[in-house]
Amino acid sequence: MEILNIEIKARTKQPAKIRNILKTKNAKYKGLDHQIDTYFKVHNGRLKLREGAIENHLIYYARENQKGPKRSEVMLFKTRPGSTLKELLVAANGILTIIDKKREIYFIDNVKFHLDAVKGLGSFVEIEAIDKDGSIGEKKLLQQCEHYLKLFGISESELVATSYSDLKLQKETKPNEGAH
């Protein structure tokens, strides 16, 4: 099943402020999930296996690397913890990188919010306006993302263009400062 998302990712130094705003808007709290995302080497888009207590999916997505709202074509396959799927994907594709994060998950209608503490990268907020069946449309999804971007007070400088996997890989490949 292909899903249309308009997404925003931003660094945040104020997750408590965003959490409080979500509570005042009666966001539905789904829980805190410790997630391990294993990204696999693929030729197009991104393929990851998410393993958590709340969410377990094989996820394929394709999107442009750009700051601010971006269109993302997503395909989800619900997985079972402990299956041999991970071994199969590792054998077939190899691992690109692994992201370890603690994620608070909230919903307001069709908009999903993540407050993420990503090991080695810091704190982030993600806003995903989701159209599962084509009934909402890209224009409305974009408006929803922009509304919450303003509501949370996220600045242009906090916006992140790439995935956590890209951020981690960039961090790992930077030469050590002061090394000769």
Foldseek 3Di string as FASTA:
>chain_A
DKKKKWKWKFADPCPVLLVVVCVVVVWAWPFKKWWKWWWFDDDAFTWIFIDIPRATWTKGKHWFQDWDITIIIMDTDGDDPPDCVVVVRCVVTNTLDMKTWIWTWTDDVQKIKIFIQIPPPGTMIMIIRIDGDCPQDDVNNSVVRVVVCVVSVPDSVGTGRDDPSVVVVVVVPDDDPPDD
